[in-house]
Amino acid sequence: MPEKIKTKVVIDAHLEKSLGCVEKYLMQSNWEWEHWRDGRVIDKWVEKNITTDEGVEHAIGVQFAGSTQVTDWFVLIYNTDTTPALTMTYATPTFTESTHYSEATRPTWQNGAVVSKNITNSANKASFTMSTAETIYGAALVGGGSAASTKNDTAGGGVLYCVSDFSGGSKTVASSDILKVTVSITGQDV
């Protein structure tokens, strides 16, 4: 390619950015975990996630196609060593959800307002009080359908928005341990 044309391409790319044109948009979630035992924190860690195809299509559908918005979201944990995949859905998550916690339903993701392209449940962390010893491998954010608050529901027609695998390996929890999680969803230009 002649040098003049190369320069023009670079200038045009810079011009697009200066005019507010952005080539990519990233939406991701950040999962901040606390593992409590006997009233004290024994471990803390942070995880990223994948947003499923179903989650992306839901977000685009609500924003641009008039799809029904999910207003109530729930956090679930799973107890199988399952690698998150974009093709996971609410109906076919491919992991096995843990139901071994004392809360009657999946914990609600009680989000606050959107601030600086971020929404979070930091004021109301989702909590799981374990009713038996178990190994946990990750978590997911689900909502919609007819039974999204119901433990182990896959038939309610909901949305599996994102899945977060424990990148440092599984976490072993004892009966009465509490897992608390803050899920923050952030959008940014990249």
N, C-alpha and C. Protein backbone atom coordinates (compact mmCIF):
# COMPACT_ATOMS: atom_id res chain seq x y z
N MET A 1 0.85 -1.17 0.00
CA MET A 1 0.00 0.00 0.00
C MET A 1 0.90 1.24 0.00
N PRO A 2 0.65 2.21 -0.85
CA PRO A 2 1.45 3.42 -0.87
C PRO A 2 1.35 4.16 0.47
N GLU A 3 2.42 4.87 0.82
CA GLU A 3 2.51 5.54 2.11
C GLU A 3 1.38 6.54 2.35
N LYS A 4 0.97 7.31 1.33
CA LYS A 4 -0.09 8.30 1.50
C LYS A 4 -1.39 7.66 1.94
N ILE A 5 -1.73 6.52 1.37
CA ILE A 5 -2.97 5.86 1.73
C ILE A 5 -2.91 5.34 3.16
N LYS A 6 -1.78 4.78 3.57
CA LYS A 6 -1.63 4.33 4.95
C LYS A 6 -1.87 5.48 5.91
N THR A 7 -1.29 6.62 5.64
CA THR A 7 -1.45 7.79 6.50
C THR A 7 -2.91 8.21 6.56
N LYS A 8 -3.59 8.18 5.42
CA LYS A 8 -5.00 8.56 5.38
C LYS A 8 -5.83 7.63 6.25
N VAL A 9 -5.57 6.32 6.23
CA VAL A 9 -6.31 5.37 7.05
C VAL A 9 -6.13 5.69 8.53
N VAL A 10 -4.91 5.97 8.93
CA VAL A 10 -4.63 6.30 10.33
C VAL A 10 -5.34 7.59 10.71
N ILE A 11 -5.28 8.59 9.86
CA ILE A 11 -5.95 9.87 10.16
C ILE A 11 -7.44 9.66 10.25
N ASP A 12 -8.03 8.89 9.32
CA ASP A 12 -9.46 8.64 9.36
C ASP A 12 -9.87 7.92 10.64
N ALA A 13 -9.07 6.96 11.09
CA ALA A 13 -9.37 6.24 12.33
C ALA A 13 -9.34 7.18 13.51
N HIS A 14 -8.36 8.08 13.56
CA HIS A 14 -8.29 9.06 14.65
C HIS A 14 -9.44 10.05 14.56
N LEU A 15 -9.84 10.44 13.37
CA LEU A 15 -10.96 11.35 13.18
C LEU A 15 -12.25 10.72 13.69
N GLU A 16 -12.47 9.43 13.36
CA GLU A 16 -13.66 8.74 13.85
C GLU A 16 -13.73 8.77 15.37
N LYS A 17 -12.62 8.49 16.03
CA LYS A 17 -12.61 8.50 17.50
C LYS A 17 -12.85 9.90 18.05
N SER A 18 -12.26 10.91 17.42
CA SER A 18 -12.43 12.28 17.92
C SER A 18 -13.87 12.76 17.72
N LEU A 19 -14.59 12.20 16.76
CA LEU A 19 -15.98 12.56 16.53
C LEU A 19 -16.95 11.74 17.39
N GLY A 20 -16.41 10.86 18.21
CA GLY A 20 -17.24 10.06 19.10
C GLY A 20 -17.61 8.70 18.54
N CYS A 21 -17.10 8.33 17.40
CA CYS A 21 -17.36 7.01 16.85
C CYS A 21 -16.47 6.01 17.56
N VAL A 22 -17.07 4.96 18.07
CA VAL A 22 -16.31 3.97 18.80
C VAL A 22 -16.45 2.63 18.09
N GLU A 23 -15.34 1.94 17.94
CA GLU A 23 -15.34 0.68 17.21
C GLU A 23 -15.95 -0.45 18.02
N LYS A 24 -15.81 -0.44 19.35
CA LYS A 24 -16.28 -1.54 20.18
C LYS A 24 -16.89 -1.01 21.46
N TYR A 25 -17.80 -1.79 22.00
CA TYR A 25 -18.43 -1.49 23.29
C TYR A 25 -18.35 -2.77 24.12
N LEU A 26 -17.92 -2.66 25.34
CA LEU A 26 -17.75 -3.82 26.21
C LEU A 26 -18.68 -3.70 27.41
N MET A 27 -19.40 -4.77 27.67
CA MET A 27 -20.22 -4.84 28.87
C MET A 27 -19.78 -6.09 29.61
N GLN A 28 -19.38 -5.93 30.86
CA GLN A 28 -18.88 -7.07 31.62
C GLN A 28 -19.34 -6.97 33.06
N SER A 29 -19.19 -8.06 33.78
CA SER A 29 -19.51 -8.02 35.20
C SER A 29 -18.28 -8.39 36.01
N ASN A 30 -18.26 -7.87 37.20
CA ASN A 30 -17.19 -8.11 38.16
C ASN A 30 -17.84 -8.70 39.40
N TRP A 31 -17.31 -9.83 39.88
CA TRP A 31 -17.88 -10.54 41.02
C TRP A 31 -16.90 -10.49 42.19
N GLU A 32 -17.27 -9.80 43.26
CA GLU A 32 -16.43 -9.69 44.46
C GLU A 32 -17.02 -10.60 45.54
N TRP A 33 -16.25 -11.63 45.89
CA TRP A 33 -16.71 -12.67 46.81
C TRP A 33 -16.12 -12.51 48.20
N GLU A 34 -16.91 -12.88 49.21
CA GLU A 34 -16.46 -13.00 50.59
C GLU A 34 -16.91 -14.36 51.11
N HIS A 35 -16.00 -15.07 51.76
CA HIS A 35 -16.32 -16.37 52.38
C HIS A 35 -16.25 -16.16 53.89
N TRP A 36 -17.39 -16.28 54.56
CA TRP A 36 -17.49 -16.05 55.99
C TRP A 36 -17.61 -17.37 56.74
N ARG A 37 -16.94 -17.45 57.88
CA ARG A 37 -17.06 -18.60 58.79
C ARG A 37 -16.97 -18.09 60.22
N ASP A 38 -17.91 -18.50 61.04
CA ASP A 38 -17.93 -18.12 62.47
C ASP A 38 -17.82 -16.61 62.66
N GLY A 39 -18.53 -15.85 61.82
CA GLY A 39 -18.60 -14.40 61.98
C GLY A 39 -17.42 -13.60 61.46
N ARG A 40 -16.49 -14.26 60.75
CA ARG A 40 -15.36 -13.50 60.20
C ARG A 40 -15.09 -13.93 58.76
N VAL A 41 -14.51 -13.02 58.02
CA VAL A 41 -14.16 -13.30 56.62
C VAL A 41 -12.89 -14.15 56.60
N ILE A 42 -12.96 -15.32 55.94
CA ILE A 42 -11.78 -16.17 55.85
C ILE A 42 -11.14 -16.15 54.46
N ASP A 43 -11.86 -15.57 53.49
CA ASP A 43 -11.32 -15.48 52.13
C ASP A 43 -12.07 -14.41 51.36
N LYS A 44 -11.35 -13.74 50.47
CA LYS A 44 -11.94 -12.77 49.55
C LYS A 44 -11.29 -12.98 48.19
N TRP A 45 -12.06 -12.82 47.13
CA TRP A 45 -11.49 -12.92 45.79
C TRP A 45 -12.42 -12.22 44.80
N VAL A 46 -11.87 -11.94 43.63
CA VAL A 46 -12.62 -11.24 42.58
C VAL A 46 -12.57 -12.08 41.32
N GLU A 47 -13.70 -12.17 40.64
CA GLU A 47 -13.81 -12.92 39.40
C GLU A 47 -14.41 -12.06 38.30
N LYS A 48 -14.13 -12.42 37.07
CA LYS A 48 -14.78 -11.82 35.90
C LYS A 48 -15.82 -12.81 35.41
N ASN A 49 -16.36 -12.59 34.24
CA ASN A 49 -17.40 -13.47 33.75
C ASN A 49 -17.39 -13.57 32.24
N ILE A 50 -18.30 -14.39 31.74
CA ILE A 50 -18.68 -14.31 30.33
C ILE A 50 -20.15 -13.93 30.30
N THR A 51 -20.52 -13.11 29.37
CA THR A 51 -21.92 -12.81 29.13
C THR A 51 -22.38 -13.77 28.05
N THR A 52 -23.41 -14.52 28.34
CA THR A 52 -23.88 -15.53 27.39
C THR A 52 -24.50 -14.87 26.16
N ASP A 53 -24.61 -15.63 25.08
CA ASP A 53 -25.30 -15.14 23.89
C ASP A 53 -26.73 -14.76 24.25
N GLU A 54 -27.36 -15.57 25.10
CA GLU A 54 -28.73 -15.28 25.54
C GLU A 54 -28.79 -13.94 26.28
N GLY A 55 -27.78 -13.66 27.11
CA GLY A 55 -27.74 -12.40 27.84
C GLY A 55 -27.55 -11.20 26.92
N VAL A 56 -26.65 -11.33 25.95
CA VAL A 56 -26.40 -10.25 24.99
C VAL A 56 -27.66 -10.00 24.16
N GLU A 57 -28.28 -11.07 23.66
CA GLU A 57 -29.49 -10.91 22.85
C GLU A 57 -30.62 -10.28 23.65
N HIS A 58 -30.72 -10.63 24.94
CA HIS A 58 -31.74 -10.00 25.79
C HIS A 58 -31.48 -8.49 25.91
N ALA A 59 -30.24 -8.12 26.18
CA ALA A 59 -29.91 -6.70 26.34
C ALA A 59 -30.19 -5.92 25.05
N ILE A 60 -29.80 -6.46 23.91
CA ILE A 60 -30.05 -5.80 22.63
C ILE A 60 -31.55 -5.74 22.34
N GLY A 61 -32.25 -6.82 22.62
CA GLY A 61 -33.69 -6.87 22.38
C GLY A 61 -34.45 -5.84 23.19
N VAL A 62 -34.09 -5.69 24.45
CA VAL A 62 -34.76 -4.70 25.31
C VAL A 62 -34.45 -3.28 24.82
N GLN A 63 -33.20 -3.03 24.50
CA GLN A 63 -32.79 -1.68 24.11
C GLN A 63 -33.31 -1.26 22.74
N PHE A 64 -33.31 -2.18 21.78
CA PHE A 64 -33.58 -1.77 20.40
C PHE A 64 -34.80 -2.42 19.74
N ALA A 65 -35.36 -3.47 20.34
CA ALA A 65 -36.44 -4.18 19.65
C ALA A 65 -37.72 -4.30 20.47
N GLY A 66 -37.78 -3.62 21.60
CA GLY A 66 -39.00 -3.63 22.39
C GLY A 66 -39.27 -4.93 23.13
N SER A 67 -38.23 -5.74 23.34
CA SER A 67 -38.41 -6.98 24.11
C SER A 67 -38.77 -6.64 25.56
N THR A 68 -39.41 -7.57 26.23
CA THR A 68 -39.81 -7.36 27.62
C THR A 68 -38.59 -7.32 28.52
N GLN A 69 -38.49 -6.28 29.31
CA GLN A 69 -37.37 -6.11 30.24
C GLN A 69 -37.52 -7.04 31.43
N VAL A 70 -36.41 -7.65 31.84
CA VAL A 70 -36.38 -8.40 33.09
C VAL A 70 -36.14 -7.39 34.21
N THR A 71 -37.03 -7.37 35.18
CA THR A 71 -36.89 -6.39 36.26
C THR A 71 -36.33 -7.01 37.54
N ASP A 72 -36.41 -8.31 37.69
CA ASP A 72 -35.89 -8.98 38.88
C ASP A 72 -34.83 -9.99 38.47
N TRP A 73 -33.63 -9.82 39.03
CA TRP A 73 -32.50 -10.70 38.73
C TRP A 73 -32.08 -11.42 40.00
N PHE A 74 -31.53 -12.63 39.83
CA PHE A 74 -31.17 -13.48 40.96
C PHE A 74 -29.79 -14.08 40.74
N VAL A 75 -29.09 -14.32 41.84
CA VAL A 75 -27.76 -14.93 41.79
C VAL A 75 -27.92 -16.40 42.18
N LEU A 76 -27.24 -17.27 41.46
CA LEU A 76 -27.20 -18.68 41.83
C LEU A 76 -25.75 -19.13 41.89
N ILE A 77 -25.50 -20.22 42.61
CA ILE A 77 -24.17 -20.83 42.67
C ILE A 77 -24.27 -22.24 42.11
N TYR A 78 -23.14 -22.74 41.59
CA TYR A 78 -23.18 -24.11 41.06
C TYR A 78 -22.04 -24.95 41.62
N ASN A 79 -22.31 -26.29 41.64
CA ASN A 79 -21.39 -27.22 42.31
C ASN A 79 -20.80 -28.26 41.36
N THR A 80 -20.69 -27.93 40.08
CA THR A 80 -20.02 -28.81 39.13
C THR A 80 -18.89 -28.05 38.45
N ASP A 81 -17.86 -28.78 38.11
CA ASP A 81 -16.69 -28.19 37.45
C ASP A 81 -17.02 -28.01 35.96
N THR A 82 -17.72 -26.92 35.67
CA THR A 82 -18.24 -26.65 34.33
C THR A 82 -17.61 -25.38 33.79
N THR A 83 -17.02 -25.45 32.63
CA THR A 83 -16.43 -24.27 32.01
C THR A 83 -17.54 -23.42 31.40
N PRO A 84 -17.65 -22.14 31.77
CA PRO A 84 -18.68 -21.29 31.18
C PRO A 84 -18.54 -21.21 29.67
N ALA A 85 -19.67 -21.17 28.99
CA ALA A 85 -19.69 -21.09 27.53
C ALA A 85 -20.74 -20.07 27.07
N LEU A 86 -20.47 -19.42 25.97
CA LEU A 86 -21.39 -18.43 25.43
C LEU A 86 -22.75 -19.03 25.11
N THR A 87 -22.78 -20.32 24.78
CA THR A 87 -24.01 -20.98 24.36
C THR A 87 -24.89 -21.45 25.52
N MET A 88 -24.44 -21.28 26.75
CA MET A 88 -25.27 -21.66 27.90
C MET A 88 -26.57 -20.83 27.88
N THR A 89 -27.66 -21.46 28.28
CA THR A 89 -28.93 -20.75 28.38
C THR A 89 -29.58 -21.05 29.72
N TYR A 90 -30.61 -20.32 30.03
CA TYR A 90 -31.37 -20.57 31.25
C TYR A 90 -31.91 -22.00 31.24
N ALA A 91 -32.44 -22.42 30.10
CA ALA A 91 -33.03 -23.76 29.98
C ALA A 91 -31.97 -24.86 29.97
N THR A 92 -30.78 -24.56 29.46
CA THR A 92 -29.69 -25.55 29.37
C THR A 92 -28.39 -24.91 29.86
N PRO A 93 -28.24 -24.77 31.20
CA PRO A 93 -27.05 -24.11 31.71
C PRO A 93 -25.78 -24.96 31.64
N THR A 94 -25.90 -26.26 31.58
CA THR A 94 -24.83 -27.27 31.57
C THR A 94 -24.10 -27.42 32.90
N PHE A 95 -24.34 -26.56 33.87
CA PHE A 95 -23.81 -26.77 35.22
C PHE A 95 -24.95 -27.28 36.09
N THR A 96 -24.61 -27.76 37.29
CA THR A 96 -25.62 -28.18 38.25
C THR A 96 -25.68 -27.13 39.36
N GLU A 97 -26.83 -26.52 39.49
CA GLU A 97 -27.01 -25.48 40.49
C GLU A 97 -27.01 -26.09 41.89
N SER A 98 -26.35 -25.43 42.81
CA SER A 98 -26.39 -25.84 44.21
C SER A 98 -27.68 -25.32 44.84
N THR A 99 -28.33 -26.17 45.59
CA THR A 99 -29.51 -25.76 46.36
C THR A 99 -29.27 -25.95 47.85
N HIS A 100 -28.01 -26.19 48.23
CA HIS A 100 -27.67 -26.52 49.61
C HIS A 100 -27.35 -25.28 50.44
N TYR A 101 -28.30 -24.35 50.45
CA TYR A 101 -28.19 -23.17 51.30
C TYR A 101 -29.56 -22.92 51.92
N SER A 102 -29.56 -22.24 53.07
CA SER A 102 -30.79 -22.15 53.87
C SER A 102 -31.80 -21.12 53.36
N GLU A 103 -31.39 -20.19 52.52
CA GLU A 103 -32.35 -19.23 51.98
C GLU A 103 -33.38 -19.99 51.14
N ALA A 104 -34.65 -19.59 51.24
CA ALA A 104 -35.73 -20.32 50.59
C ALA A 104 -35.69 -20.19 49.06
N THR A 105 -35.13 -19.10 48.57
CA THR A 105 -35.07 -18.86 47.13
C THR A 105 -33.67 -18.42 46.74
N ARG A 106 -33.43 -18.31 45.45
CA ARG A 106 -32.17 -17.72 44.98
C ARG A 106 -32.10 -16.29 45.51
N PRO A 107 -30.93 -15.85 45.97
CA PRO A 107 -30.82 -14.47 46.45
C PRO A 107 -31.08 -13.46 45.33
N THR A 108 -31.82 -12.43 45.67
CA THR A 108 -32.12 -11.35 44.72
C THR A 108 -30.89 -10.49 44.50
N TRP A 109 -30.64 -10.10 43.25
CA TRP A 109 -29.61 -9.11 42.94
C TRP A 109 -30.29 -7.76 43.08
N GLN A 110 -30.08 -7.12 44.25
CA GLN A 110 -30.73 -5.86 44.57
C GLN A 110 -29.82 -4.71 44.16
N ASN A 111 -29.95 -4.30 42.91
CA ASN A 111 -29.05 -3.28 42.38
C ASN A 111 -29.46 -1.88 42.79
N GLY A 112 -28.47 -1.01 42.76
CA GLY A 112 -28.70 0.40 42.99
C GLY A 112 -28.85 1.12 41.65
N ALA A 113 -28.64 2.42 41.65
CA ALA A 113 -28.74 3.24 40.44
C ALA A 113 -27.49 3.07 39.58
N VAL A 114 -27.63 3.41 38.31
CA VAL A 114 -26.49 3.41 37.40
C VAL A 114 -25.66 4.66 37.69
N VAL A 115 -24.36 4.47 37.96
CA VAL A 115 -23.44 5.57 38.24
C VAL A 115 -22.16 5.32 37.46
N SER A 116 -21.74 6.27 36.64
CA SER A 116 -20.50 6.16 35.88
C SER A 116 -20.42 4.85 35.08
N LYS A 117 -21.48 4.55 34.37
CA LYS A 117 -21.56 3.36 33.51
C LYS A 117 -21.45 2.05 34.30
N ASN A 118 -21.90 2.06 35.57
CA ASN A 118 -21.80 0.89 36.44
C ASN A 118 -23.08 0.75 37.26
N ILE A 119 -23.51 -0.50 37.43
CA ILE A 119 -24.64 -0.79 38.32
C ILE A 119 -24.21 -1.97 39.19
N THR A 120 -24.54 -1.92 40.48
CA THR A 120 -24.04 -2.92 41.41
C THR A 120 -25.04 -3.19 42.53
N ASN A 121 -24.85 -4.31 43.20
CA ASN A 121 -25.64 -4.63 44.40
C ASN A 121 -24.78 -4.48 45.66
N SER A 122 -23.79 -3.62 45.62
CA SER A 122 -22.86 -3.49 46.75
C SER A 122 -23.54 -3.11 48.07
N ALA A 123 -24.67 -2.41 48.00
CA ALA A 123 -25.38 -2.05 49.23
C ALA A 123 -26.18 -3.23 49.79
N ASN A 124 -26.46 -4.22 48.96
CA ASN A 124 -27.24 -5.40 49.37
C ASN A 124 -26.65 -6.65 48.73
N LYS A 125 -25.54 -7.12 49.27
CA LYS A 125 -24.85 -8.28 48.69
C LYS A 125 -25.75 -9.51 48.71
N ALA A 126 -25.64 -10.33 47.67
CA ALA A 126 -26.34 -11.61 47.65
C ALA A 126 -25.63 -12.55 48.62
N SER A 127 -26.38 -13.26 49.45
CA SER A 127 -25.79 -14.13 50.47
C SER A 127 -26.35 -15.54 50.38
N PHE A 128 -25.45 -16.50 50.58
CA PHE A 128 -25.80 -17.92 50.60
C PHE A 128 -25.31 -18.49 51.93
N THR A 129 -26.22 -18.90 52.81
CA THR A 129 -25.86 -19.53 54.08
C THR A 129 -25.91 -21.04 53.84
N MET A 130 -24.76 -21.66 53.78
CA MET A 130 -24.66 -23.06 53.38
C MET A 130 -25.30 -23.98 54.43
N SER A 131 -26.11 -24.93 53.95
CA SER A 131 -26.77 -25.87 54.85
C SER A 131 -26.04 -27.21 54.94
N THR A 132 -25.02 -27.37 54.10
CA THR A 132 -24.20 -28.58 54.12
C THR A 132 -22.83 -28.25 53.55
N ALA A 133 -21.86 -29.08 53.85
CA ALA A 133 -20.53 -28.89 53.26
C ALA A 133 -20.63 -29.20 51.76
N GLU A 134 -19.89 -28.42 50.97
CA GLU A 134 -20.01 -28.58 49.52
C GLU A 134 -18.83 -27.89 48.84
N THR A 135 -18.61 -28.24 47.59
CA THR A 135 -17.61 -27.57 46.77
C THR A 135 -18.34 -26.73 45.73
N ILE A 136 -18.01 -25.43 45.68
CA ILE A 136 -18.66 -24.51 44.75
C ILE A 136 -17.65 -24.10 43.69
N TYR A 137 -18.08 -24.05 42.45
CA TYR A 137 -17.20 -23.75 41.32
C TYR A 137 -17.47 -22.40 40.66
N GLY A 138 -18.65 -21.81 40.89
CA GLY A 138 -18.95 -20.55 40.25
C GLY A 138 -20.37 -20.10 40.52
N ALA A 139 -20.79 -19.09 39.74
CA ALA A 139 -22.10 -18.49 39.95
C ALA A 139 -22.63 -17.91 38.65
N ALA A 140 -23.90 -17.54 38.67
CA ALA A 140 -24.52 -16.95 37.49
C ALA A 140 -25.58 -15.95 37.91
N LEU A 141 -25.93 -15.08 36.98
CA LEU A 141 -26.98 -14.08 37.17
C LEU A 141 -28.12 -14.43 36.22
N VAL A 142 -29.31 -14.66 36.79
CA VAL A 142 -30.46 -15.08 36.00
C VAL A 142 -31.67 -14.21 36.33
N GLY A 143 -32.63 -14.19 35.41
CA GLY A 143 -33.85 -13.45 35.67
C GLY A 143 -34.91 -13.75 34.63
N GLY A 144 -36.11 -13.21 34.86
CA GLY A 144 -37.20 -13.36 33.91
C GLY A 144 -37.90 -14.70 34.00
N GLY A 145 -38.79 -14.92 33.07
CA GLY A 145 -39.54 -16.17 33.05
C GLY A 145 -40.54 -16.22 34.18
N SER A 146 -41.00 -17.42 34.48
CA SER A 146 -42.06 -17.58 35.48
C SER A 146 -41.54 -17.96 36.86
N ALA A 147 -40.26 -18.39 36.97
CA ALA A 147 -39.80 -18.90 38.26
C ALA A 147 -38.32 -18.63 38.52
N ALA A 148 -37.82 -17.48 38.14
CA ALA A 148 -36.38 -17.21 38.27
C ALA A 148 -35.88 -17.19 39.70
N SER A 149 -36.76 -16.97 40.66
CA SER A 149 -36.33 -16.99 42.06
C SER A 149 -36.25 -18.41 42.62
N THR A 150 -36.80 -19.37 41.92
CA THR A 150 -36.87 -20.75 42.40
C THR A 150 -35.54 -21.47 42.20
N LYS A 151 -35.03 -22.05 43.29
CA LYS A 151 -33.78 -22.82 43.21
C LYS A 151 -33.92 -23.92 42.17
N ASN A 152 -32.91 -24.07 41.34
CA ASN A 152 -32.80 -25.16 40.38
C ASN A 152 -33.82 -25.09 39.24
N ASP A 153 -34.51 -23.98 39.06
CA ASP A 153 -35.48 -23.87 37.97
C ASP A 153 -34.75 -23.68 36.64
N THR A 154 -35.14 -24.46 35.64
CA THR A 154 -34.65 -24.27 34.27
C THR A 154 -35.81 -24.24 33.28
N ALA A 155 -37.03 -24.45 33.77
CA ALA A 155 -38.18 -24.55 32.87
C ALA A 155 -38.99 -23.26 32.80
N GLY A 156 -38.63 -22.26 33.57
CA GLY A 156 -39.47 -21.07 33.66
C GLY A 156 -39.33 -20.08 32.52
N GLY A 157 -38.43 -20.33 31.55
CA GLY A 157 -38.30 -19.43 30.41
C GLY A 157 -37.51 -18.17 30.71
N GLY A 158 -36.60 -18.22 31.66
CA GLY A 158 -35.83 -17.06 32.05
C GLY A 158 -34.63 -16.80 31.16
N VAL A 159 -33.75 -15.89 31.63
CA VAL A 159 -32.54 -15.48 30.91
C VAL A 159 -31.33 -15.76 31.79
N LEU A 160 -30.36 -16.47 31.24
CA LEU A 160 -29.06 -16.65 31.89
C LEU A 160 -28.17 -15.54 31.34
N TYR A 161 -28.01 -14.46 32.12
CA TYR A 161 -27.29 -13.30 31.60
C TYR A 161 -25.78 -13.53 31.55
N CYS A 162 -25.20 -13.93 32.68
CA CYS A 162 -23.75 -14.14 32.71
C CYS A 162 -23.38 -15.24 33.69
N VAL A 163 -22.19 -15.79 33.48
CA VAL A 163 -21.68 -16.90 34.29
C VAL A 163 -20.26 -16.54 34.73
N SER A 164 -19.97 -16.78 36.01
CA SER A 164 -18.65 -16.48 36.56
C SER A 164 -18.07 -17.73 37.20
N ASP A 165 -17.02 -18.25 36.59
CA ASP A 165 -16.33 -19.43 37.10
C ASP A 165 -15.23 -18.98 38.06
N PHE A 166 -14.96 -19.75 39.11
CA PHE A 166 -13.88 -19.42 40.03
C PHE A 166 -12.55 -19.76 39.35
N SER A 167 -11.86 -18.76 38.86
CA SER A 167 -10.63 -18.97 38.09
C SER A 167 -9.51 -19.56 38.94
N GLY A 168 -9.52 -19.33 40.23
CA GLY A 168 -8.48 -19.87 41.11
C GLY A 168 -8.78 -21.27 41.59
N GLY A 169 -9.83 -21.87 41.06
CA GLY A 169 -10.23 -23.21 41.48
C GLY A 169 -11.49 -23.17 42.31
N SER A 170 -11.96 -24.31 42.69
CA SER A 170 -13.20 -24.41 43.45
C SER A 170 -13.00 -23.89 44.88
N LYS A 171 -14.12 -23.64 45.55
CA LYS A 171 -14.11 -23.22 46.95
C LYS A 171 -14.88 -24.24 47.77
N THR A 172 -14.24 -24.76 48.79
CA THR A 172 -14.90 -25.71 49.68
C THR A 172 -15.53 -24.93 50.82
N VAL A 173 -16.81 -25.16 51.03
CA VAL A 173 -17.54 -24.48 52.09
C VAL A 173 -18.06 -25.51 53.08
N ALA A 174 -18.13 -25.11 54.34
CA ALA A 174 -18.66 -25.97 55.39
C ALA A 174 -20.10 -25.57 55.68
N SER A 175 -20.83 -26.45 56.34
CA SER A 175 -22.18 -26.11 56.77
C SER A 175 -22.12 -24.87 57.66
N SER A 176 -23.02 -23.95 57.46
CA SER A 176 -23.12 -22.66 58.17
C SER A 176 -22.18 -21.59 57.64
N ASP A 177 -21.28 -21.92 56.72
CA ASP A 177 -20.47 -20.88 56.06
C ASP A 177 -21.41 -19.98 55.25
N ILE A 178 -21.00 -18.75 55.05
CA ILE A 178 -21.79 -17.81 54.25
C ILE A 178 -20.92 -17.31 53.10
N LEU A 179 -21.46 -17.40 51.90
CA LEU A 179 -20.84 -16.77 50.73
C LEU A 179 -21.62 -15.51 50.42
N LYS A 180 -20.91 -14.38 50.34
CA LYS A 180 -21.54 -13.11 49.98
C LYS A 180 -20.89 -12.63 48.69
N VAL A 181 -21.71 -12.08 47.79
CA VAL A 181 -21.16 -11.63 46.51
C VAL A 181 -21.78 -10.30 46.09
N THR A 182 -20.88 -9.43 45.63
CA THR A 182 -21.26 -8.19 44.99
C THR A 182 -21.06 -8.37 43.50
N VAL A 183 -22.14 -8.18 42.74
CA VAL A 183 -22.05 -8.30 41.28
C VAL A 183 -22.23 -6.90 40.70
N SER A 184 -21.20 -6.44 39.98
CA SER A 184 -21.24 -5.13 39.34
C SER A 184 -21.20 -5.31 37.84
N ILE A 185 -22.10 -4.65 37.14
CA ILE A 185 -22.12 -4.70 35.68
C ILE A 185 -21.68 -3.34 35.16
N THR A 186 -20.68 -3.37 34.28
CA THR A 186 -20.06 -2.15 33.78
C THR A 186 -20.08 -2.13 32.26
N GLY A 187 -20.34 -0.98 31.70
CA GLY A 187 -20.22 -0.79 30.26
C GLY A 187 -19.13 0.22 29.98
N GLN A 188 -18.37 0.00 28.90
CA GLN A 188 -17.31 0.95 28.55
C GLN A 188 -16.99 0.86 27.08
N ASP A 189 -16.50 1.96 26.55
CA ASP A 189 -16.01 2.00 25.18
C ASP A 189 -14.61 1.44 25.18
N VAL A 190 -14.29 0.59 24.21
CA VAL A 190 -12.93 0.04 24.12
C VAL A 190 -12.36 0.24 22.74
